[in-house]
Amino acid sequence: MGELVVSVRRPVPADVPGLTDVHDAAWREAYRGILPGLALERMIAKRGPVWWSRMIRRERPLLVLDLGDRIGGYVSYGPSRTLNMAQRGEIDELYLDPLFQGLGFGTKLFATARRDLASSGFKGLVVWALSDNARACAFYERLGGRRAGTAPVRFSGVTLDKVAYTFP
């Protein structure tokens, strides 16, 4: 019987296909029925291998959930892009392949990014989620996130609300 080693680490070029697959599956699962179908497919298509190759070389941190033989998720984070909030750190994206949701891996990615932000001197953390994404909202609330405001966001002519969750 083999042993599965799960780790959270910085991505390498060989992770690009796995990141592309996770993004595709996670976004379809999270946003089908929330975003207009064509808009969703266009957004997914923009995040192909070339896009992910650029992402792993940029300065903003990106971590992958390595499940031994595949990438199971990722988290992107760094300084907050919301300048009018007290929280200095931000998690931009946290997604898991739907096969690995509900197993504690999202919490592991979140905690690792949060520790990295804190050790880099970023006090507090903000995460934005679409208000209609009940699963994401429940996840951040379970982790202790406090709703701190909403803002509109447009996707292909449709305006949706996003909610900010803050963490001390």
N, C-alpha and C. Protein backbone atom coordinates (compact mmCIF):
# COMPACT_ATOMS: atom_id res chain seq x y z
N MET A 1 0.85 -1.17 0.00
CA MET A 1 0.00 0.00 0.00
C MET A 1 0.89 1.24 0.00
N GLY A 2 0.61 2.20 -0.88
CA GLY A 2 1.41 3.41 -0.98
C GLY A 2 0.97 4.45 0.03
N GLU A 3 1.82 5.43 0.19
CA GLU A 3 1.56 6.52 1.12
C GLU A 3 1.38 7.80 0.31
N LEU A 4 0.33 8.55 0.58
CA LEU A 4 0.07 9.80 -0.10
C LEU A 4 0.67 10.93 0.72
N VAL A 5 1.57 11.68 0.11
CA VAL A 5 2.16 12.83 0.76
C VAL A 5 1.49 14.07 0.19
N VAL A 6 0.89 14.85 1.07
CA VAL A 6 0.21 16.08 0.68
C VAL A 6 1.08 17.23 1.14
N SER A 7 1.34 18.17 0.22
CA SER A 7 2.14 19.33 0.59
C SER A 7 1.59 20.59 -0.06
N VAL A 8 1.92 21.70 0.52
CA VAL A 8 1.63 23.01 -0.05
C VAL A 8 2.98 23.63 -0.35
N ARG A 9 3.16 24.03 -1.61
CA ARG A 9 4.47 24.53 -2.04
C ARG A 9 4.32 25.54 -3.16
N ARG A 10 5.41 26.19 -3.49
CA ARG A 10 5.45 27.11 -4.63
C ARG A 10 5.34 26.27 -5.92
N PRO A 11 4.68 26.81 -6.92
CA PRO A 11 4.56 26.05 -8.18
C PRO A 11 5.85 26.07 -9.00
N VAL A 12 5.97 25.06 -9.85
CA VAL A 12 7.07 24.95 -10.81
C VAL A 12 6.44 24.82 -12.20
N PRO A 13 7.21 25.05 -13.26
CA PRO A 13 6.63 24.97 -14.61
C PRO A 13 5.86 23.67 -14.90
N ALA A 14 6.29 22.57 -14.34
CA ALA A 14 5.59 21.30 -14.59
C ALA A 14 4.17 21.29 -14.00
N ASP A 15 3.84 22.26 -13.14
CA ASP A 15 2.51 22.34 -12.52
C ASP A 15 1.48 23.03 -13.41
N VAL A 16 1.92 23.65 -14.50
CA VAL A 16 1.01 24.43 -15.35
C VAL A 16 -0.21 23.62 -15.82
N PRO A 17 -0.05 22.40 -16.34
CA PRO A 17 -1.26 21.65 -16.75
C PRO A 17 -2.20 21.37 -15.57
N GLY A 18 -1.66 21.06 -14.41
CA GLY A 18 -2.49 20.81 -13.24
C GLY A 18 -3.22 22.06 -12.78
N LEU A 19 -2.54 23.20 -12.79
CA LEU A 19 -3.20 24.46 -12.43
C LEU A 19 -4.33 24.78 -13.39
N THR A 20 -4.09 24.56 -14.68
CA THR A 20 -5.12 24.81 -15.70
C THR A 20 -6.32 23.91 -15.44
N ASP A 21 -6.09 22.65 -15.17
CA ASP A 21 -7.19 21.70 -14.92
C ASP A 21 -7.98 22.06 -13.66
N VAL A 22 -7.27 22.41 -12.58
CA VAL A 22 -7.94 22.78 -11.33
C VAL A 22 -8.81 24.02 -11.56
N HIS A 23 -8.23 25.02 -12.19
CA HIS A 23 -8.99 26.25 -12.44
C HIS A 23 -10.25 25.96 -13.24
N ASP A 24 -10.11 25.22 -14.33
CA ASP A 24 -11.26 24.90 -15.18
C ASP A 24 -12.37 24.21 -14.37
N ALA A 25 -12.02 23.16 -13.66
CA ALA A 25 -13.02 22.38 -12.91
C ALA A 25 -13.62 23.19 -11.77
N ALA A 26 -12.78 23.91 -11.04
CA ALA A 26 -13.26 24.67 -9.89
C ALA A 26 -14.18 25.81 -10.30
N TRP A 27 -13.81 26.52 -11.35
CA TRP A 27 -14.65 27.64 -11.79
C TRP A 27 -15.98 27.15 -12.35
N ARG A 28 -15.97 26.06 -13.08
CA ARG A 28 -17.24 25.53 -13.60
C ARG A 28 -18.14 25.12 -12.43
N GLU A 29 -17.57 24.47 -11.44
CA GLU A 29 -18.36 24.03 -10.29
C GLU A 29 -18.85 25.23 -9.46
N ALA A 30 -18.00 26.23 -9.27
CA ALA A 30 -18.34 27.36 -8.40
C ALA A 30 -19.30 28.35 -9.06
N TYR A 31 -19.15 28.58 -10.36
CA TYR A 31 -19.85 29.71 -10.97
C TYR A 31 -20.93 29.34 -11.99
N ARG A 32 -21.09 28.05 -12.30
CA ARG A 32 -22.17 27.66 -13.21
C ARG A 32 -23.50 28.02 -12.54
N GLY A 33 -24.33 28.75 -13.26
CA GLY A 33 -25.60 29.20 -12.72
C GLY A 33 -25.52 30.55 -12.02
N ILE A 34 -24.30 31.03 -11.77
CA ILE A 34 -24.11 32.36 -11.17
C ILE A 34 -23.69 33.35 -12.25
N LEU A 35 -22.66 32.97 -13.01
CA LEU A 35 -22.20 33.80 -14.12
C LEU A 35 -22.89 33.36 -15.40
N PRO A 36 -23.13 34.28 -16.31
CA PRO A 36 -23.68 33.87 -17.60
C PRO A 36 -22.77 32.82 -18.25
N GLY A 37 -23.36 31.79 -18.85
CA GLY A 37 -22.61 30.66 -19.39
C GLY A 37 -21.48 31.04 -20.34
N LEU A 38 -21.77 31.89 -21.30
CA LEU A 38 -20.74 32.29 -22.26
C LEU A 38 -19.63 33.08 -21.59
N ALA A 39 -19.99 33.96 -20.66
CA ALA A 39 -18.99 34.74 -19.93
C ALA A 39 -18.08 33.82 -19.13
N LEU A 40 -18.67 32.82 -18.48
CA LEU A 40 -17.89 31.87 -17.69
C LEU A 40 -16.91 31.11 -18.59
N GLU A 41 -17.37 30.62 -19.72
CA GLU A 41 -16.49 29.87 -20.61
C GLU A 41 -15.37 30.75 -21.16
N ARG A 42 -15.67 32.00 -21.44
CA ARG A 42 -14.62 32.92 -21.92
C ARG A 42 -13.58 33.18 -20.84
N MET A 43 -14.04 33.36 -19.61
CA MET A 43 -13.09 33.60 -18.51
C MET A 43 -12.20 32.38 -18.28
N ILE A 44 -12.79 31.19 -18.36
CA ILE A 44 -12.01 29.97 -18.20
C ILE A 44 -11.00 29.84 -19.32
N ALA A 45 -11.41 30.12 -20.55
CA ALA A 45 -10.52 30.00 -21.71
C ALA A 45 -9.31 30.93 -21.60
N LYS A 46 -9.48 32.08 -20.96
CA LYS A 46 -8.36 33.02 -20.79
C LYS A 46 -7.28 32.48 -19.85
N ARG A 47 -7.65 31.53 -19.00
CA ARG A 47 -6.73 31.01 -18.00
C ARG A 47 -6.11 29.69 -18.44
N GLY A 48 -5.59 29.66 -19.64
CA GLY A 48 -4.95 28.47 -20.16
C GLY A 48 -3.49 28.37 -19.73
N PRO A 49 -2.76 27.44 -20.31
CA PRO A 49 -1.36 27.20 -19.93
C PRO A 49 -0.45 28.43 -20.05
N VAL A 50 -0.65 29.25 -21.07
CA VAL A 50 0.21 30.45 -21.21
C VAL A 50 -0.01 31.39 -20.03
N TRP A 51 -1.27 31.59 -19.65
CA TRP A 51 -1.60 32.46 -18.52
C TRP A 51 -0.97 31.92 -17.24
N TRP A 52 -1.11 30.62 -16.99
CA TRP A 52 -0.56 30.03 -15.76
C TRP A 52 0.97 30.05 -15.77
N SER A 53 1.58 29.91 -16.92
CA SER A 53 3.05 30.01 -16.99
C SER A 53 3.51 31.38 -16.53
N ARG A 54 2.79 32.42 -16.93
CA ARG A 54 3.12 33.78 -16.48
C ARG A 54 2.88 33.93 -14.99
N MET A 55 1.79 33.35 -14.51
CA MET A 55 1.44 33.50 -13.09
C MET A 55 2.49 32.91 -12.15
N ILE A 56 3.07 31.80 -12.53
CA ILE A 56 4.03 31.20 -11.61
C ILE A 56 5.36 31.95 -11.60
N ARG A 57 5.56 32.84 -12.56
CA ARG A 57 6.79 33.64 -12.60
C ARG A 57 6.63 35.02 -11.98
N ARG A 58 5.41 35.43 -11.69
CA ARG A 58 5.19 36.78 -11.17
C ARG A 58 5.59 36.87 -9.70
N GLU A 59 5.67 38.08 -9.20
CA GLU A 59 6.11 38.29 -7.82
C GLU A 59 5.02 38.00 -6.79
N ARG A 60 3.76 38.14 -7.14
CA ARG A 60 2.68 37.90 -6.19
C ARG A 60 2.67 36.40 -5.87
N PRO A 61 2.69 36.03 -4.60
CA PRO A 61 2.79 34.61 -4.24
C PRO A 61 1.64 33.74 -4.75
N LEU A 62 2.00 32.54 -5.12
CA LEU A 62 1.06 31.51 -5.55
C LEU A 62 1.55 30.20 -4.94
N LEU A 63 0.64 29.46 -4.32
CA LEU A 63 0.97 28.15 -3.75
C LEU A 63 0.06 27.11 -4.37
N VAL A 64 0.56 25.89 -4.48
CA VAL A 64 -0.25 24.78 -4.99
C VAL A 64 -0.38 23.71 -3.91
N LEU A 65 -1.50 23.01 -3.98
CA LEU A 65 -1.73 21.84 -3.15
C LEU A 65 -1.26 20.64 -3.97
N ASP A 66 -0.16 20.04 -3.55
CA ASP A 66 0.45 18.92 -4.25
C ASP A 66 -0.01 17.63 -3.59
N LEU A 67 -0.72 16.82 -4.36
CA LEU A 67 -1.24 15.55 -3.85
C LEU A 67 -0.44 14.37 -4.37
N GLY A 68 0.82 14.58 -4.61
CA GLY A 68 1.69 13.50 -5.06
C GLY A 68 1.70 13.34 -6.56
N ASP A 69 0.58 12.93 -7.13
CA ASP A 69 0.54 12.71 -8.57
C ASP A 69 -0.29 13.76 -9.31
N ARG A 70 -0.79 14.76 -8.57
CA ARG A 70 -1.59 15.80 -9.23
C ARG A 70 -1.70 17.04 -8.35
N ILE A 71 -2.04 18.15 -8.99
CA ILE A 71 -2.30 19.39 -8.28
C ILE A 71 -3.78 19.39 -7.92
N GLY A 72 -4.07 19.60 -6.65
CA GLY A 72 -5.45 19.55 -6.18
C GLY A 72 -6.07 20.91 -5.93
N GLY A 73 -5.25 21.97 -5.92
CA GLY A 73 -5.77 23.30 -5.67
C GLY A 73 -4.66 24.33 -5.68
N TYR A 74 -5.07 25.58 -5.48
CA TYR A 74 -4.08 26.66 -5.44
C TYR A 74 -4.63 27.84 -4.64
N VAL A 75 -3.73 28.69 -4.20
CA VAL A 75 -4.09 29.95 -3.53
C VAL A 75 -3.12 31.02 -4.02
N SER A 76 -3.68 32.18 -4.36
CA SER A 76 -2.92 33.34 -4.79
C SER A 76 -3.17 34.44 -3.76
N TYR A 77 -2.12 35.17 -3.35
CA TYR A 77 -2.27 36.14 -2.27
C TYR A 77 -1.15 37.17 -2.32
N GLY A 78 -1.26 38.19 -1.47
CA GLY A 78 -0.23 39.21 -1.39
C GLY A 78 -0.77 40.45 -0.69
N PRO A 79 -0.13 41.61 -0.94
CA PRO A 79 -0.63 42.85 -0.34
C PRO A 79 -2.06 43.12 -0.81
N SER A 80 -2.86 43.69 0.07
CA SER A 80 -4.25 43.98 -0.26
C SER A 80 -4.34 44.97 -1.41
N ARG A 81 -5.26 44.68 -2.32
CA ARG A 81 -5.54 45.58 -3.44
C ARG A 81 -6.69 46.52 -3.10
N THR A 82 -7.25 46.37 -1.89
CA THR A 82 -8.35 47.21 -1.42
C THR A 82 -7.76 48.23 -0.46
N LEU A 83 -7.44 49.38 -0.97
CA LEU A 83 -6.68 50.37 -0.20
C LEU A 83 -7.46 51.02 0.93
N ASN A 84 -8.79 50.99 0.89
CA ASN A 84 -9.57 51.66 1.94
C ASN A 84 -9.92 50.73 3.10
N MET A 85 -9.29 49.59 3.21
CA MET A 85 -9.54 48.67 4.32
C MET A 85 -8.28 48.58 5.18
N ALA A 86 -8.50 48.31 6.46
CA ALA A 86 -7.37 48.22 7.40
C ALA A 86 -6.51 46.98 7.17
N GLN A 87 -7.09 45.92 6.60
CA GLN A 87 -6.35 44.68 6.39
C GLN A 87 -5.31 44.90 5.30
N ARG A 88 -4.08 44.53 5.59
CA ARG A 88 -2.98 44.78 4.66
C ARG A 88 -2.70 43.61 3.73
N GLY A 89 -3.19 42.42 4.06
CA GLY A 89 -3.01 41.24 3.22
C GLY A 89 -4.30 40.86 2.53
N GLU A 90 -4.18 40.12 1.42
CA GLU A 90 -5.36 39.68 0.69
C GLU A 90 -5.12 38.31 0.06
N ILE A 91 -6.12 37.47 0.14
CA ILE A 91 -6.13 36.25 -0.65
C ILE A 91 -6.96 36.56 -1.88
N ASP A 92 -6.33 36.50 -3.05
CA ASP A 92 -7.00 36.84 -4.30
C ASP A 92 -7.89 35.70 -4.76
N GLU A 93 -7.36 34.49 -4.73
CA GLU A 93 -8.07 33.31 -5.20
C GLU A 93 -7.66 32.11 -4.36
N LEU A 94 -8.64 31.27 -4.07
CA LEU A 94 -8.38 29.99 -3.42
C LEU A 94 -9.37 29.01 -4.04
N TYR A 95 -8.86 28.06 -4.80
CA TYR A 95 -9.72 27.09 -5.49
C TYR A 95 -9.16 25.69 -5.34
N LEU A 96 -10.09 24.75 -5.22
CA LEU A 96 -9.76 23.32 -5.18
C LEU A 96 -10.48 22.62 -6.30
N ASP A 97 -9.86 21.58 -6.82
CA ASP A 97 -10.56 20.67 -7.72
C ASP A 97 -11.77 20.16 -6.93
N PRO A 98 -12.96 20.16 -7.53
CA PRO A 98 -14.14 19.70 -6.80
C PRO A 98 -14.00 18.31 -6.17
N LEU A 99 -13.15 17.45 -6.73
CA LEU A 99 -12.92 16.13 -6.15
C LEU A 99 -12.32 16.20 -4.75
N PHE A 100 -11.65 17.30 -4.43
CA PHE A 100 -10.93 17.41 -3.16
C PHE A 100 -11.54 18.43 -2.21
N GLN A 101 -12.73 18.93 -2.53
CA GLN A 101 -13.40 19.87 -1.65
C GLN A 101 -14.02 19.12 -0.48
N GLY A 102 -14.09 19.80 0.65
CA GLY A 102 -14.71 19.21 1.84
C GLY A 102 -13.82 18.27 2.63
N LEU A 103 -12.53 18.25 2.30
CA LEU A 103 -11.59 17.34 2.98
C LEU A 103 -10.57 18.06 3.85
N GLY A 104 -10.71 19.37 4.00
CA GLY A 104 -9.78 20.15 4.81
C GLY A 104 -8.64 20.77 4.04
N PHE A 105 -8.55 20.50 2.74
CA PHE A 105 -7.43 21.05 1.95
C PHE A 105 -7.56 22.55 1.74
N GLY A 106 -8.78 23.06 1.62
CA GLY A 106 -8.98 24.50 1.47
C GLY A 106 -8.51 25.23 2.72
N THR A 107 -8.83 24.66 3.87
CA THR A 107 -8.38 25.24 5.14
C THR A 107 -6.86 25.23 5.22
N LYS A 108 -6.25 24.17 4.74
CA LYS A 108 -4.78 24.07 4.73
C LYS A 108 -4.17 25.15 3.84
N LEU A 109 -4.71 25.35 2.64
CA LEU A 109 -4.21 26.40 1.76
C LEU A 109 -4.40 27.78 2.38
N PHE A 110 -5.59 28.02 2.94
CA PHE A 110 -5.89 29.31 3.57
C PHE A 110 -4.90 29.59 4.70
N ALA A 111 -4.72 28.61 5.59
CA ALA A 111 -3.84 28.80 6.75
C ALA A 111 -2.40 29.05 6.33
N THR A 112 -1.94 28.36 5.30
CA THR A 112 -0.56 28.55 4.83
C THR A 112 -0.38 29.95 4.27
N ALA A 113 -1.32 30.41 3.44
CA ALA A 113 -1.23 31.76 2.89
C ALA A 113 -1.32 32.80 4.01
N ARG A 114 -2.19 32.59 4.96
CA ARG A 114 -2.35 33.54 6.07
C ARG A 114 -1.07 33.64 6.90
N ARG A 115 -0.45 32.50 7.17
CA ARG A 115 0.82 32.51 7.93
C ARG A 115 1.90 33.23 7.15
N ASP A 116 1.96 32.98 5.83
CA ASP A 116 2.98 33.63 5.01
C ASP A 116 2.78 35.14 5.00
N LEU A 117 1.53 35.58 4.87
CA LEU A 117 1.25 37.02 4.89
C LEU A 117 1.67 37.63 6.24
N ALA A 118 1.30 36.97 7.33
CA ALA A 118 1.64 37.48 8.66
C ALA A 118 3.15 37.54 8.86
N SER A 119 3.85 36.50 8.41
CA SER A 119 5.31 36.49 8.59
C SER A 119 6.00 37.52 7.70
N SER A 120 5.30 37.99 6.67
CA SER A 120 5.84 39.04 5.81
C SER A 120 5.42 40.43 6.28
N GLY A 121 4.75 40.51 7.43
CA GLY A 121 4.40 41.79 8.03
C GLY A 121 3.05 42.36 7.63
N PHE A 122 2.22 41.58 6.97
CA PHE A 122 0.90 42.07 6.56
C PHE A 122 -0.10 41.81 7.68
N LYS A 123 -0.57 42.88 8.33
CA LYS A 123 -1.51 42.76 9.44
C LYS A 123 -2.93 42.66 8.89
N GLY A 124 -3.62 41.60 9.26
CA GLY A 124 -4.98 41.39 8.81
C GLY A 124 -5.04 40.85 7.39
N LEU A 125 -6.23 40.42 7.02
CA LEU A 125 -6.42 39.75 5.74
C LEU A 125 -7.84 40.01 5.26
N VAL A 126 -7.98 40.24 3.96
CA VAL A 126 -9.30 40.37 3.34
C VAL A 126 -9.41 39.36 2.20
N VAL A 127 -10.61 38.81 2.04
CA VAL A 127 -10.92 37.90 0.93
C VAL A 127 -12.27 38.34 0.37
N TRP A 128 -12.36 38.42 -0.95
CA TRP A 128 -13.62 38.76 -1.61
C TRP A 128 -14.22 37.49 -2.23
N ALA A 129 -15.54 37.37 -2.14
CA ALA A 129 -16.25 36.25 -2.76
C ALA A 129 -17.55 36.78 -3.35
N LEU A 130 -17.99 36.19 -4.45
CA LEU A 130 -19.30 36.57 -4.98
C LEU A 130 -20.37 36.20 -3.96
N SER A 131 -21.27 37.12 -3.70
CA SER A 131 -22.33 36.88 -2.72
C SER A 131 -23.16 35.65 -3.05
N ASP A 132 -23.35 35.37 -4.35
CA ASP A 132 -24.14 34.22 -4.77
C ASP A 132 -23.39 32.89 -4.67
N ASN A 133 -22.10 32.94 -4.37
CA ASN A 133 -21.32 31.72 -4.21
C ASN A 133 -21.43 31.26 -2.75
N ALA A 134 -22.55 30.61 -2.46
CA ALA A 134 -22.86 30.22 -1.08
C ALA A 134 -21.78 29.34 -0.46
N ARG A 135 -21.19 28.46 -1.25
CA ARG A 135 -20.17 27.55 -0.71
C ARG A 135 -18.94 28.34 -0.25
N ALA A 136 -18.48 29.29 -1.07
CA ALA A 136 -17.32 30.10 -0.69
C ALA A 136 -17.63 30.96 0.52
N CYS A 137 -18.80 31.58 0.54
CA CYS A 137 -19.17 32.43 1.67
C CYS A 137 -19.22 31.61 2.97
N ALA A 138 -19.80 30.43 2.91
CA ALA A 138 -19.86 29.57 4.10
C ALA A 138 -18.46 29.16 4.55
N PHE A 139 -17.58 28.88 3.60
CA PHE A 139 -16.20 28.49 3.91
C PHE A 139 -15.50 29.61 4.69
N TYR A 140 -15.56 30.84 4.19
CA TYR A 140 -14.87 31.94 4.86
C TYR A 140 -15.52 32.26 6.21
N GLU A 141 -16.82 32.11 6.31
CA GLU A 141 -17.49 32.32 7.60
C GLU A 141 -17.07 31.26 8.61
N ARG A 142 -16.95 29.99 8.18
CA ARG A 142 -16.49 28.92 9.07
C ARG A 142 -15.08 29.19 9.58
N LEU A 143 -14.27 29.82 8.76
CA LEU A 143 -12.89 30.12 9.16
C LEU A 143 -12.80 31.35 10.07
N GLY A 144 -13.94 31.99 10.32
CA GLY A 144 -13.97 33.15 11.21
C GLY A 144 -14.00 34.49 10.50
N GLY A 145 -14.21 34.47 9.19
CA GLY A 145 -14.28 35.73 8.45
C GLY A 145 -15.51 36.53 8.83
N ARG A 146 -15.32 37.83 8.91
CA ARG A 146 -16.40 38.75 9.25
C ARG A 146 -16.77 39.54 8.00
N ARG A 147 -18.05 39.56 7.66
CA ARG A 147 -18.51 40.34 6.51
C ARG A 147 -18.23 41.81 6.79
N ALA A 148 -17.50 42.45 5.85
CA ALA A 148 -17.09 43.83 6.10
C ALA A 148 -17.54 44.79 5.00
N GLY A 149 -18.34 44.33 4.09
CA GLY A 149 -18.83 45.21 3.04
C GLY A 149 -19.07 44.47 1.75
N THR A 150 -19.73 45.15 0.84
CA THR A 150 -20.00 44.58 -0.47
C THR A 150 -19.62 45.59 -1.54
N ALA A 151 -19.47 45.11 -2.74
CA ALA A 151 -19.17 45.95 -3.89
C ALA A 151 -19.73 45.28 -5.14
N PRO A 152 -20.16 46.07 -6.11
CA PRO A 152 -20.64 45.48 -7.35
C PRO A 152 -19.47 45.04 -8.23
N VAL A 153 -19.71 44.03 -9.04
CA VAL A 153 -18.72 43.56 -10.02
C VAL A 153 -19.51 43.16 -11.27
N ARG A 154 -18.97 43.52 -12.45
CA ARG A 154 -19.68 43.24 -13.71
C ARG A 154 -19.01 42.11 -14.47
N PHE A 155 -19.86 41.23 -15.01
CA PHE A 155 -19.42 40.14 -15.86
C PHE A 155 -20.32 40.14 -17.10
N SER A 156 -19.76 40.48 -18.23
CA SER A 156 -20.50 40.45 -19.50
C SER A 156 -21.87 41.13 -19.41
N GLY A 157 -21.88 42.32 -18.85
CA GLY A 157 -23.12 43.08 -18.78
C GLY A 157 -24.01 42.75 -17.60
N VAL A 158 -23.64 41.78 -16.78
CA VAL A 158 -24.43 41.41 -15.61
C VAL A 158 -23.70 41.92 -14.36
N THR A 159 -24.41 42.62 -13.50
CA THR A 159 -23.81 43.12 -12.27
C THR A 159 -24.17 42.19 -11.12
N LEU A 160 -23.14 41.74 -10.43
CA LEU A 160 -23.31 40.88 -9.25
C LEU A 160 -22.67 41.59 -8.06
N ASP A 161 -22.96 41.11 -6.87
CA ASP A 161 -22.34 41.65 -5.67
C ASP A 161 -21.24 40.71 -5.20
N LYS A 162 -20.16 41.32 -4.72
CA LYS A 162 -19.13 40.54 -4.04
C LYS A 162 -19.07 41.05 -2.61
N VAL A 163 -18.71 40.16 -1.71
CA VAL A 163 -18.65 40.49 -0.29
C VAL A 163 -17.22 40.33 0.20
N ALA A 164 -16.80 41.26 1.07
CA ALA A 164 -15.47 41.21 1.67
C ALA A 164 -15.57 40.50 3.01
N TYR A 165 -14.69 39.54 3.22
CA TYR A 165 -14.54 38.88 4.51
C TYR A 165 -13.20 39.30 5.08
N THR A 166 -13.21 39.78 6.31
CA THR A 166 -11.97 40.22 6.95
C THR A 166 -11.60 39.29 8.09
N PHE A 167 -10.30 39.19 8.28
CA PHE A 167 -9.72 38.37 9.33
C PHE A 167 -8.67 39.22 10.04
N PRO A 168 -8.61 39.14 11.36
CA PRO A 168 -7.63 39.96 12.09
C PRO A 168 -6.19 39.57 11.78
